[in-house]
Amino acid sequence: MIEETFNKIKTKIQTTTSITAGKKTELLTLLSALESEISALSKAQSEHAESIAGFVERSAHEATRREKDSELLRLSIAGLTASVKNFEVSHPRLVRDINYISTVLANMGI
């Protein structure tokens, strides 16, 4: 399920025309690191991992839309950030990666 979700996100980013090639490369690199972290988390806490992956998918969708809705992007990123809130101690790299990708996606919505 998580691998499938990330494949959909990567395809969406690769095919969108609403962001630059540089941003595509940056997002794809971030997603690869994040996918590894979420896959590791899924072994112990699959529901949390699926929730995080879902918020990543929604946030990426909102950030790559041609006609962006800043409120929907804000809400999806808030959900993404909240989804990792309790993992700061046990999975600091996951939280760091989510915070970074949230910042990148938020900046794309400007």
PDB file of N, CA and C in Angstrom:
ATOM      1  N   MET A   1       0.810  -1.195   0.000  1.00  0.00           N
ATOM      2  CA  MET A   1       0.000   0.000   0.000  1.00  0.00           C
ATOM      3  C   MET A   1       0.859   1.267   0.000  1.00  0.00           C
ATOM      4  N   ILE A   2       1.855   1.310   0.875  1.00  0.00           N
ATOM      5  CA  ILE A   2       2.703   2.499   0.961  1.00  0.00           C
ATOM      6  C   ILE A   2       3.515   2.665  -0.320  1.00  0.00           C
ATOM      7  N   GLU A   3       4.074   1.564  -0.812  1.00  0.00           N
ATOM      8  CA  GLU A   3       4.847   1.629  -2.058  1.00  0.00           C
ATOM      9  C   GLU A   3       3.971   2.116  -3.206  1.00  0.00           C
ATOM     10  N   GLU A   4       2.759   1.632  -3.246  1.00  0.00           N
ATOM     11  CA  GLU A   4       1.802   2.039  -4.288  1.00  0.00           C
ATOM     12  C   GLU A   4       1.503   3.539  -4.184  1.00  0.00           C
ATOM     13  N   THR A   5       1.303   4.016  -2.977  1.00  0.00           N
ATOM     14  CA  THR A   5       1.029   5.435  -2.760  1.00  0.00           C
ATOM     15  C   THR A   5       2.203   6.283  -3.232  1.00  0.00           C
ATOM     16  N   PHE A   6       3.410   5.885  -2.864  1.00  0.00           N
ATOM     17  CA  PHE A   6       4.583   6.655  -3.271  1.00  0.00           C
ATOM     18  C   PHE A   6       4.802   6.596  -4.775  1.00  0.00           C
ATOM     19  N   ASN A   7       4.504   5.477  -5.394  1.00  0.00           N
ATOM     20  CA  ASN A   7       4.607   5.403  -6.862  1.00  0.00           C
ATOM     21  C   ASN A   7       3.641   6.373  -7.518  1.00  0.00           C
ATOM     22  N   LYS A   8       2.426   6.495  -6.978  1.00  0.00           N
ATOM     23  CA  LYS A   8       1.451   7.451  -7.516  1.00  0.00           C
ATOM     24  C   LYS A   8       1.950   8.885  -7.355  1.00  0.00           C
ATOM     25  N   ILE A   9       2.514   9.178  -6.188  1.00  0.00           N
ATOM     26  CA  ILE A   9       3.027  10.527  -5.941  1.00  0.00           C
ATOM     27  C   ILE A   9       4.162  10.842  -6.915  1.00  0.00           C
ATOM     28  N   LYS A  10       5.087   9.918  -7.069  1.00  0.00           N
ATOM     29  CA  LYS A  10       6.233  10.142  -7.963  1.00  0.00           C
ATOM     30  C   LYS A  10       5.768  10.344  -9.401  1.00  0.00           C
ATOM     31  N   THR A  11       4.806   9.545  -9.846  1.00  0.00           N
ATOM     32  CA  THR A  11       4.275   9.699 -11.203  1.00  0.00           C
ATOM     33  C   THR A  11       3.629  11.065 -11.372  1.00  0.00           C
ATOM     34  N   LYS A  12       2.858  11.481 -10.378  1.00  0.00           N
ATOM     35  CA  LYS A  12       2.200  12.789 -10.423  1.00  0.00           C
ATOM     36  C   LYS A  12       3.239  13.899 -10.548  1.00  0.00           C
ATOM     37  N   ILE A  13       4.286  13.830  -9.760  1.00  0.00           N
ATOM     38  CA  ILE A  13       5.322  14.862  -9.798  1.00  0.00           C
ATOM     39  C   ILE A  13       6.050  14.845 -11.140  1.00  0.00           C
ATOM     40  N   GLN A  14       6.380  13.661 -11.631  1.00  0.00           N
ATOM     41  CA  GLN A  14       7.100  13.548 -12.903  1.00  0.00           C
ATOM     42  C   GLN A  14       6.295  14.078 -14.082  1.00  0.00           C
ATOM     43  N   THR A  15       4.977  13.949 -14.021  1.00  0.00           N
ATOM     44  CA  THR A  15       4.152  14.324 -15.177  1.00  0.00           C
ATOM     45  C   THR A  15       3.547  15.712 -15.086  1.00  0.00           C
ATOM     46  N   THR A  16       3.625  16.347 -13.920  1.00  0.00           N
ATOM     47  CA  THR A  16       3.016  17.660 -13.793  1.00  0.00           C
ATOM     48  C   THR A  16       3.797  18.704 -14.591  1.00  0.00           C
ATOM     49  N   THR A  17       3.078  19.669 -15.085  1.00  0.00           N
ATOM     50  CA  THR A  17       3.721  20.774 -15.792  1.00  0.00           C
ATOM     51  C   THR A  17       3.674  22.059 -14.971  1.00  0.00           C
ATOM     52  N   SER A  18       3.158  21.942 -13.750  1.00  0.00           N
ATOM     53  CA  SER A  18       2.981  23.136 -12.936  1.00  0.00           C
ATOM     54  C   SER A  18       4.191  23.476 -12.064  1.00  0.00           C
ATOM     55  N   ILE A  19       5.238  22.631 -12.097  1.00  0.00           N
ATOM     56  CA  ILE A  19       6.446  22.940 -11.333  1.00  0.00           C
ATOM     57  C   ILE A  19       7.675  22.748 -12.222  1.00  0.00           C
ATOM     58  N   THR A  20       8.746  23.383 -11.836  1.00  0.00           N
ATOM     59  CA  THR A  20       9.966  23.343 -12.637  1.00  0.00           C
ATOM     60  C   THR A  20      10.678  21.998 -12.514  1.00  0.00           C
ATOM     61  N   ALA A  21      11.564  21.738 -13.438  1.00  0.00           N
ATOM     62  CA  ALA A  21      12.339  20.492 -13.422  1.00  0.00           C
ATOM     63  C   ALA A  21      13.177  20.410 -12.146  1.00  0.00           C
ATOM     64  N   GLY A  22      13.716  21.522 -11.702  1.00  0.00           N
ATOM     65  CA  GLY A  22      14.517  21.541 -10.479  1.00  0.00           C
ATOM     66  C   GLY A  22      13.698  21.154  -9.258  1.00  0.00           C
ATOM     67  N   LYS A  23      12.482  21.679  -9.165  1.00  0.00           N
ATOM     68  CA  LYS A  23      11.597  21.334  -8.049  1.00  0.00           C
ATOM     69  C   LYS A  23      11.184  19.871  -8.122  1.00  0.00           C
ATOM     70  N   LYS A  24      10.962  19.370  -9.335  1.00  0.00           N
ATOM     71  CA  LYS A  24      10.625  17.948  -9.503  1.00  0.00           C
ATOM     72  C   LYS A  24      11.742  17.077  -8.946  1.00  0.00           C
ATOM     73  N   THR A  25      12.966  17.389  -9.316  1.00  0.00           N
ATOM     74  CA  THR A  25      14.114  16.621  -8.851  1.00  0.00           C
ATOM     75  C   THR A  25      14.225  16.691  -7.337  1.00  0.00           C
ATOM     76  N   GLU A  26      14.063  17.874  -6.779  1.00  0.00           N
ATOM     77  CA  GLU A  26      14.146  18.049  -5.329  1.00  0.00           C
ATOM     78  C   GLU A  26      13.063  17.223  -4.626  1.00  0.00           C
ATOM     79  N   LEU A  27      11.840  17.302  -5.118  1.00  0.00           N
ATOM     80  CA  LEU A  27      10.749  16.550  -4.496  1.00  0.00           C
ATOM     81  C   LEU A  27      10.943  15.045  -4.622  1.00  0.00           C
ATOM     82  N   LEU A  28      11.391  14.588  -5.769  1.00  0.00           N
ATOM     83  CA  LEU A  28      11.603  13.151  -5.960  1.00  0.00           C
ATOM     84  C   LEU A  28      12.696  12.621  -5.042  1.00  0.00           C
ATOM     85  N   THR A  29      13.731  13.409  -4.831  1.00  0.00           N
ATOM     86  CA  THR A  29      14.801  13.027  -3.907  1.00  0.00           C
ATOM     87  C   THR A  29      14.270  12.955  -2.481  1.00  0.00           C
ATOM     88  N   LEU A  30      13.504  13.968  -2.091  1.00  0.00           N
ATOM     89  CA  LEU A  30      12.901  13.981  -0.758  1.00  0.00           C
ATOM     90  C   LEU A  30      11.961  12.789  -0.567  1.00  0.00           C
ATOM     91  N   LEU A  31      11.178  12.496  -1.589  1.00  0.00           N
ATOM     92  CA  LEU A  31      10.231  11.387  -1.498  1.00  0.00           C
ATOM     93  C   LEU A  31      10.928  10.045  -1.337  1.00  0.00           C
ATOM     94  N   SER A  32      12.041   9.869  -2.002  1.00  0.00           N
ATOM     95  CA  SER A  32      12.778   8.608  -1.867  1.00  0.00           C
ATOM     96  C   SER A  32      13.248   8.403  -0.436  1.00  0.00           C
ATOM     97  N   ALA A  33      13.784   9.462   0.170  1.00  0.00           N
ATOM     98  CA  ALA A  33      14.225   9.370   1.565  1.00  0.00           C
ATOM     99  C   ALA A  33      13.038   9.132   2.486  1.00  0.00           C
ATOM    100  N   LEU A  34      11.970   9.836   2.231  1.00  0.00           N
ATOM    101  CA  LEU A  34      10.780   9.714   3.057  1.00  0.00           C
ATOM    102  C   LEU A  34      10.146   8.331   2.924  1.00  0.00           C
ATOM    103  N   GLU A  35      10.123   7.800   1.738  1.00  0.00           N
ATOM    104  CA  GLU A  35       9.561   6.469   1.518  1.00  0.00           C
ATOM    105  C   GLU A  35      10.317   5.422   2.341  1.00  0.00           C
ATOM    106  N   SER A  36      11.623   5.551   2.400  1.00  0.00           N
ATOM    107  CA  SER A  36      12.432   4.633   3.188  1.00  0.00           C
ATOM    108  C   SER A  36      12.069   4.720   4.667  1.00  0.00           C
ATOM    109  N   GLU A  37      11.921   5.931   5.172  1.00  0.00           N
ATOM    110  CA  GLU A  37      11.568   6.134   6.574  1.00  0.00           C
ATOM    111  C   GLU A  37      10.174   5.588   6.889  1.00  0.00           C
ATOM    112  N   ILE A  38       9.230   5.857   6.020  1.00  0.00           N
ATOM    113  CA  ILE A  38       7.858   5.409   6.260  1.00  0.00           C
ATOM    114  C   ILE A  38       7.753   3.890   6.127  1.00  0.00           C
ATOM    115  N   SER A  39       8.504   3.308   5.219  1.00  0.00           N
ATOM    116  CA  SER A  39       8.505   1.845   5.087  1.00  0.00           C
ATOM    117  C   SER A  39       9.029   1.195   6.365  1.00  0.00           C
ATOM    118  N   ALA A  40      10.061   1.780   6.953  1.00  0.00           N
ATOM    119  CA  ALA A  40      10.594   1.251   8.209  1.00  0.00           C
ATOM    120  C   ALA A  40       9.558   1.383   9.320  1.00  0.00           C
ATOM    121  N   LEU A  41       8.880   2.509   9.372  1.00  0.00           N
ATOM    122  CA  LEU A  41       7.847   2.731  10.380  1.00  0.00           C
ATOM    123  C   LEU A  41       6.685   1.754  10.205  1.00  0.00           C
ATOM    124  N   SER A  42       6.370   1.420   8.970  1.00  0.00           N
ATOM    125  CA  SER A  42       5.206   0.576   8.695  1.00  0.00           C
ATOM    126  C   SER A  42       5.340  -0.831   9.284  1.00  0.00           C
ATOM    127  N   LYS A  43       6.557  -1.260   9.510  1.00  0.00           N
ATOM    128  CA  LYS A  43       6.762  -2.592  10.088  1.00  0.00           C
ATOM    129  C   LYS A  43       6.261  -2.659  11.524  1.00  0.00           C
ATOM    130  N   ALA A  44       6.326  -1.557  12.233  1.00  0.00           N
ATOM    131  CA  ALA A  44       5.894  -1.538  13.629  1.00  0.00           C
ATOM    132  C   ALA A  44       4.539  -0.851  13.814  1.00  0.00           C
ATOM    133  N   GLN A  45       4.277   0.141  12.977  1.00  0.00           N
ATOM    134  CA  GLN A  45       3.054   0.939  13.137  1.00  0.00           C
ATOM    135  C   GLN A  45       2.443   1.233  11.769  1.00  0.00           C
ATOM    136  N   SER A  46       1.842   0.210  11.187  1.00  0.00           N
ATOM    137  CA  SER A  46       1.370   0.318   9.803  1.00  0.00           C
ATOM    138  C   SER A  46       0.286   1.371   9.616  1.00  0.00           C
ATOM    139  N   GLU A  47      -0.635   1.519  10.554  1.00  0.00           N
ATOM    140  CA  GLU A  47      -1.695   2.515  10.389  1.00  0.00           C
ATOM    141  C   GLU A  47      -1.137   3.930  10.379  1.00  0.00           C
ATOM    142  N   HIS A  48      -0.184   4.187  11.256  1.00  0.00           N
ATOM    143  CA  HIS A  48       0.441   5.516  11.279  1.00  0.00           C
ATOM    144  C   HIS A  48       1.199   5.768   9.976  1.00  0.00           C
ATOM    145  N   ALA A  49       1.908   4.770   9.519  1.00  0.00           N
ATOM    146  CA  ALA A  49       2.681   4.917   8.284  1.00  0.00           C
ATOM    147  C   ALA A  49       1.756   5.193   7.101  1.00  0.00           C
ATOM    148  N   GLU A  50       0.643   4.499   7.030  1.00  0.00           N
ATOM    149  CA  GLU A  50      -0.308   4.722   5.937  1.00  0.00           C
ATOM    150  C   GLU A  50      -0.930   6.111   6.026  1.00  0.00           C
ATOM    151  N   SER A  51      -1.193   6.571   7.225  1.00  0.00           N
ATOM    152  CA  SER A  51      -1.739   7.906   7.414  1.00  0.00           C
ATOM    153  C   SER A  51      -0.752   8.975   6.929  1.00  0.00           C
ATOM    154  N   ILE A  52       0.497   8.816   7.303  1.00  0.00           N
ATOM    155  CA  ILE A  52       1.526   9.769   6.872  1.00  0.00           C
ATOM    156  C   ILE A  52       1.641   9.752   5.352  1.00  0.00           C
ATOM    157  N   ALA A  53       1.689   8.570   4.758  1.00  0.00           N
ATOM    158  CA  ALA A  53       1.781   8.460   3.296  1.00  0.00           C
ATOM    159  C   ALA A  53       0.584   9.131   2.628  1.00  0.00           C
ATOM    160  N   GLY A  54      -0.589   8.970   3.202  1.00  0.00           N
ATOM    161  CA  GLY A  54      -1.786   9.603   2.652  1.00  0.00           C
ATOM    162  C   GLY A  54      -1.701  11.116   2.695  1.00  0.00           C
ATOM    163  N   PHE A  55      -1.196  11.654   3.793  1.00  0.00           N
ATOM    164  CA  PHE A  55      -1.036  13.102   3.883  1.00  0.00           C
ATOM    165  C   PHE A  55       0.040  13.610   2.926  1.00  0.00           C
ATOM    166  N   VAL A  56       1.085  12.829   2.724  1.00  0.00           N
ATOM    167  CA  VAL A  56       2.103  13.208   1.733  1.00  0.00           C
ATOM    168  C   VAL A  56       1.451  13.282   0.353  1.00  0.00           C
ATOM    169  N   GLU A  57       0.634  12.286   0.042  1.00  0.00           N
ATOM    170  CA  GLU A  57      -0.038  12.259  -1.266  1.00  0.00           C
ATOM    171  C   GLU A  57      -0.950  13.470  -1.439  1.00  0.00           C
ATOM    172  N   ARG A  58      -1.760  13.788  -0.434  1.00  0.00           N
ATOM    173  CA  ARG A  58      -2.676  14.937  -0.524  1.00  0.00           C
ATOM    174  C   ARG A  58      -1.891  16.234  -0.669  1.00  0.00           C
ATOM    175  N   SER A  59      -0.839  16.375   0.115  1.00  0.00           N
ATOM    176  CA  SER A  59      -0.041  17.599   0.076  1.00  0.00           C
ATOM    177  C   SER A  59       0.634  17.769  -1.283  1.00  0.00           C
ATOM    178  N   ALA A  60       1.183  16.690  -1.810  1.00  0.00           N
ATOM    179  CA  ALA A  60       1.822  16.754  -3.128  1.00  0.00           C
ATOM    180  C   ALA A  60       0.796  17.087  -4.201  1.00  0.00           C
ATOM    181  N   HIS A  61      -0.386  16.518  -4.086  1.00  0.00           N
ATOM    182  CA  HIS A  61      -1.453  16.817  -5.049  1.00  0.00           C
ATOM    183  C   HIS A  61      -1.795  18.304  -5.026  1.00  0.00           C
ATOM    184  N   GLU A  62      -2.002  18.836  -3.837  1.00  0.00           N
ATOM    185  CA  GLU A  62      -2.382  20.249  -3.725  1.00  0.00           C
ATOM    186  C   GLU A  62      -1.264  21.175  -4.212  1.00  0.00           C
ATOM    187  N   ALA A  63      -0.024  20.812  -3.947  1.00  0.00           N
ATOM    188  CA  ALA A  63       1.103  21.659  -4.342  1.00  0.00           C
ATOM    189  C   ALA A  63       1.360  21.624  -5.840  1.00  0.00           C
ATOM    190  N   THR A  64       0.971  20.549  -6.515  1.00  0.00           N
ATOM    191  CA  THR A  64       1.265  20.432  -7.945  1.00  0.00           C
ATOM    192  C   THR A  64       0.075  20.746  -8.840  1.00  0.00           C
ATOM    193  N   ARG A  65      -1.043  21.137  -8.259  1.00  0.00           N
ATOM    194  CA  ARG A  65      -2.207  21.519  -9.073  1.00  0.00           C
ATOM    195  C   ARG A  65      -1.885  22.753  -9.897  1.00  0.00           C
ATOM    196  N   ARG A  66      -2.460  22.811 -11.089  1.00  0.00           N
ATOM    197  CA  ARG A  66      -2.280  24.018 -11.914  1.00  0.00           C
ATOM    198  C   ARG A  66      -2.891  25.236 -11.235  1.00  0.00           C
ATOM    199  N   GLU A  67      -4.118  25.083 -10.793  1.00  0.00           N
ATOM    200  CA  GLU A  67      -4.798  26.170 -10.089  1.00  0.00           C
ATOM    201  C   GLU A  67      -4.779  25.828  -8.604  1.00  0.00           C
ATOM    202  N   LYS A  68      -3.822  26.387  -7.935  1.00  0.00           N
ATOM    203  CA  LYS A  68      -3.618  26.054  -6.534  1.00  0.00           C
ATOM    204  C   LYS A  68      -4.675  26.714  -5.652  1.00  0.00           C
ATOM    205  N   ASP A  69      -5.071  25.996  -4.631  1.00  0.00           N
ATOM    206  CA  ASP A  69      -5.966  26.505  -3.605  1.00  0.00           C
ATOM    207  C   ASP A  69      -5.140  26.582  -2.326  1.00  0.00           C
ATOM    208  N   SER A  70      -4.752  27.771  -1.945  1.00  0.00           N
ATOM    209  CA  SER A  70      -3.830  27.933  -0.822  1.00  0.00           C
ATOM    210  C   SER A  70      -4.400  27.369   0.475  1.00  0.00           C
ATOM    211  N   GLU A  71      -5.705  27.433   0.661  1.00  0.00           N
ATOM    212  CA  GLU A  71      -6.307  26.904   1.882  1.00  0.00           C
ATOM    213  C   GLU A  71      -6.218  25.377   1.920  1.00  0.00           C
ATOM    214  N   LEU A  72      -6.495  24.717   0.797  1.00  0.00           N
ATOM    215  CA  LEU A  72      -6.374  23.258   0.757  1.00  0.00           C
ATOM    216  C   LEU A  72      -4.924  22.811   0.943  1.00  0.00           C
ATOM    217  N   LEU A  73      -3.995  23.551   0.361  1.00  0.00           N
ATOM    218  CA  LEU A  73      -2.582  23.226   0.549  1.00  0.00           C
ATOM    219  C   LEU A  73      -2.197  23.390   2.016  1.00  0.00           C
ATOM    220  N   ARG A  74      -2.632  24.473   2.621  1.00  0.00           N
ATOM    221  CA  ARG A  74      -2.328  24.720   4.032  1.00  0.00           C
ATOM    222  C   ARG A  74      -2.884  23.595   4.905  1.00  0.00           C
ATOM    223  N   LEU A  75      -4.128  23.203   4.649  1.00  0.00           N
ATOM    224  CA  LEU A  75      -4.754  22.140   5.439  1.00  0.00           C
ATOM    225  C   LEU A  75      -4.051  20.793   5.263  1.00  0.00           C
ATOM    226  N   SER A  76      -3.673  20.481   4.019  1.00  0.00           N
ATOM    227  CA  SER A  76      -3.017  19.195   3.776  1.00  0.00           C
ATOM    228  C   SER A  76      -1.638  19.158   4.442  1.00  0.00           C
ATOM    229  N   ILE A  77      -0.928  20.262   4.415  1.00  0.00           N
ATOM    230  CA  ILE A  77       0.389  20.323   5.061  1.00  0.00           C
ATOM    231  C   ILE A  77       0.244  20.293   6.579  1.00  0.00           C
ATOM    232  N   ALA A  78      -0.793  20.936   7.103  1.00  0.00           N
ATOM    233  CA  ALA A  78      -1.037  20.878   8.554  1.00  0.00           C
ATOM    234  C   ALA A  78      -1.315  19.434   8.972  1.00  0.00           C
ATOM    235  N   GLY A  79      -2.089  18.710   8.168  1.00  0.00           N
ATOM    236  CA  GLY A  79      -2.356  17.304   8.462  1.00  0.00           C
ATOM    237  C   GLY A  79      -1.090  16.473   8.403  1.00  0.00           C
ATOM    238  N   LEU A  80      -0.258  16.743   7.403  1.00  0.00           N
ATOM    239  CA  LEU A  80       1.003  16.026   7.260  1.00  0.00           C
ATOM    240  C   LEU A  80       1.897  16.263   8.470  1.00  0.00           C
ATOM    241  N   THR A  81       2.017  17.502   8.878  1.00  0.00           N
ATOM    242  CA  THR A  81       2.843  17.835  10.039  1.00  0.00           C
ATOM    243  C   THR A  81       2.292  17.180  11.304  1.00  0.00           C
ATOM    244  N   ALA A  82       0.986  17.227  11.473  1.00  0.00           N
ATOM    245  CA  ALA A  82       0.360  16.618  12.654  1.00  0.00           C
ATOM    246  C   ALA A  82       0.530  15.098  12.668  1.00  0.00           C
ATOM    247  N   SER A  83       0.590  14.485  11.492  1.00  0.00           N
ATOM    248  CA  SER A  83       0.677  13.028  11.414  1.00  0.00           C
ATOM    249  C   SER A  83       1.981  12.469  11.984  1.00  0.00           C
ATOM    250  N   VAL A  84       3.011  13.290  12.089  1.00  0.00           N
ATOM    251  CA  VAL A  84       4.288  12.827  12.637  1.00  0.00           C
ATOM    252  C   VAL A  84       4.612  13.443  14.002  1.00  0.00           C
ATOM    253  N   LYS A  85       3.681  14.179  14.535  1.00  0.00           N
ATOM    254  CA  LYS A  85       3.914  14.918  15.780  1.00  0.00           C
ATOM    255  C   LYS A  85       4.459  14.048  16.910  1.00  0.00           C
ATOM    256  N   ASN A  86       3.946  12.859  17.076  1.00  0.00           N
ATOM    257  CA  ASN A  86       4.353  12.010  18.194  1.00  0.00           C
ATOM    258  C   ASN A  86       5.576  11.139  17.913  1.00  0.00           C
ATOM    259  N   PHE A  87       6.228  11.362  16.795  1.00  0.00           N
ATOM    260  CA  PHE A  87       7.376  10.540  16.430  1.00  0.00           C
ATOM    261  C   PHE A  87       8.707  11.269  16.582  1.00  0.00           C
ATOM    262  N   GLU A  88       8.696  12.435  17.211  1.00  0.00           N
ATOM    263  CA  GLU A  88       9.915  13.239  17.312  1.00  0.00           C
ATOM    264  C   GLU A  88      11.051  12.510  18.021  1.00  0.00           C
ATOM    265  N   VAL A  89      10.732  11.735  19.034  1.00  0.00           N
ATOM    266  CA  VAL A  89      11.754  11.026  19.793  1.00  0.00           C
ATOM    267  C   VAL A  89      12.120   9.710  19.117  1.00  0.00           C
ATOM    268  N   SER A  90      11.116   8.938  18.719  1.00  0.00           N
ATOM    269  CA  SER A  90      11.384   7.602  18.181  1.00  0.00           C
ATOM    270  C   SER A  90      11.857   7.600  16.729  1.00  0.00           C
ATOM    271  N   HIS A  91      11.455   8.591  15.946  1.00  0.00           N
ATOM    272  CA  HIS A  91      11.819   8.651  14.525  1.00  0.00           C
ATOM    273  C   HIS A  91      12.180  10.086  14.122  1.00  0.00           C
ATOM    274  N   PRO A  92      13.255  10.631  14.686  1.00  0.00           N
ATOM    275  CA  PRO A  92      13.587  12.040  14.410  1.00  0.00           C
ATOM    276  C   PRO A  92      13.864  12.334  12.935  1.00  0.00           C
ATOM    277  N   ARG A  93      14.442  11.374  12.227  1.00  0.00           N
ATOM    278  CA  ARG A  93      14.728  11.603  10.807  1.00  0.00           C
ATOM    279  C   ARG A  93      13.427  11.719  10.007  1.00  0.00           C
ATOM    280  N   LEU A  94      12.441  10.901  10.337  1.00  0.00           N
ATOM    281  CA  LEU A  94      11.140  10.971   9.683  1.00  0.00           C
ATOM    282  C   LEU A  94      10.517  12.347   9.890  1.00  0.00           C
ATOM    283  N   VAL A  95      10.547  12.826  11.117  1.00  0.00           N
ATOM    284  CA  VAL A  95       9.981  14.136  11.437  1.00  0.00           C
ATOM    285  C   VAL A  95      10.738  15.235  10.695  1.00  0.00           C
ATOM    286  N   ARG A  96      12.049  15.140  10.678  1.00  0.00           N
ATOM    287  CA  ARG A  96      12.859  16.133   9.956  1.00  0.00           C
ATOM    288  C   ARG A  96      12.518  16.141   8.473  1.00  0.00           C
ATOM    289  N   ASP A  97      12.413  14.949   7.875  1.00  0.00           N
ATOM    290  CA  ASP A  97      12.096  14.858   6.446  1.00  0.00           C
ATOM    291  C   ASP A  97      10.700  15.397   6.147  1.00  0.00           C
ATOM    292  N   ILE A  98       9.738  15.095   7.012  1.00  0.00           N
ATOM    293  CA  ILE A  98       8.367  15.603   6.824  1.00  0.00           C
ATOM    294  C   ILE A  98       8.354  17.123   6.935  1.00  0.00           C
ATOM    295  N   ASN A  99       9.046  17.651   7.923  1.00  0.00           N
ATOM    296  CA  ASN A  99       9.083  19.108   8.076  1.00  0.00           C
ATOM    297  C   ASN A  99       9.714  19.773   6.861  1.00  0.00           C
ATOM    298  N   TYR A 100      10.756  19.162   6.316  1.00  0.00           N
ATOM    299  CA  TYR A 100      11.421  19.736   5.154  1.00  0.00           C
ATOM    300  C   TYR A 100      10.531  19.674   3.918  1.00  0.00           C
ATOM    301  N   ILE A 101       9.909  18.520   3.687  1.00  0.00           N
ATOM    302  CA  ILE A 101       9.051  18.408   2.509  1.00  0.00           C
ATOM    303  C   ILE A 101       7.823  19.320   2.667  1.00  0.00           C
ATOM    304  N   SER A 102       7.342  19.487   3.877  1.00  0.00           N
ATOM    305  CA  SER A 102       6.215  20.402   4.111  1.00  0.00           C
ATOM    306  C   SER A 102       6.595  21.829   3.731  1.00  0.00           C
ATOM    307  N   THR A 103       7.795  22.220   4.094  1.00  0.00           N
ATOM    308  CA  THR A 103       8.273  23.562   3.752  1.00  0.00           C
ATOM    309  C   THR A 103       8.393  23.736   2.243  1.00  0.00           C
ATOM    310  N   VAL A 104       8.964  22.746   1.575  1.00  0.00           N
ATOM    311  CA  VAL A 104       9.111  22.811   0.108  1.00  0.00           C
ATOM    312  C   VAL A 104       7.743  22.914  -0.548  1.00  0.00           C
ATOM    313  N   LEU A 105       6.812  22.059  -0.137  1.00  0.00           N
ATOM    314  CA  LEU A 105       5.472  22.065  -0.732  1.00  0.00           C
ATOM    315  C   LEU A 105       4.747  23.384  -0.446  1.00  0.00           C
ATOM    316  N   ALA A 106       4.877  23.875   0.770  1.00  0.00           N
ATOM    317  CA  ALA A 106       4.229  25.142   1.121  1.00  0.00           C
ATOM    318  C   ALA A 106       4.769  26.278   0.270  1.00  0.00           C
ATOM    319  N   ASN A 107       6.069  26.293   0.039  1.00  0.00           N
ATOM    320  CA  ASN A 107       6.664  27.342  -0.777  1.00  0.00           C
ATOM    321  C   ASN A 107       6.234  27.257  -2.233  1.00  0.00           C
ATOM    322  N   MET A 108       5.878  26.056  -2.686  1.00  0.00           N
ATOM    323  CA  MET A 108       5.398  25.893  -4.062  1.00  0.00           C
ATOM    324  C   MET A 108       4.003  26.479  -4.222  1.00  0.00           C
ATOM    325  N   GLY A 109       3.265  26.580  -3.131  1.00  0.00           N
ATOM    326  CA  GLY A 109       1.913  27.082  -3.201  1.00  0.00           C
ATOM    327  C   GLY A 109       1.817  28.593  -3.229  1.00  0.00           C
ATOM    328  N   ILE A 110       2.940  29.253  -3.098  1.00  0.00           N
ATOM    329  CA  ILE A 110       2.955  30.726  -3.074  1.00  0.00           C
ATOM    330  C   ILE A 110       2.631  31.276  -4.441  1.00  0.00           C
TER     331      ILE A 110
END
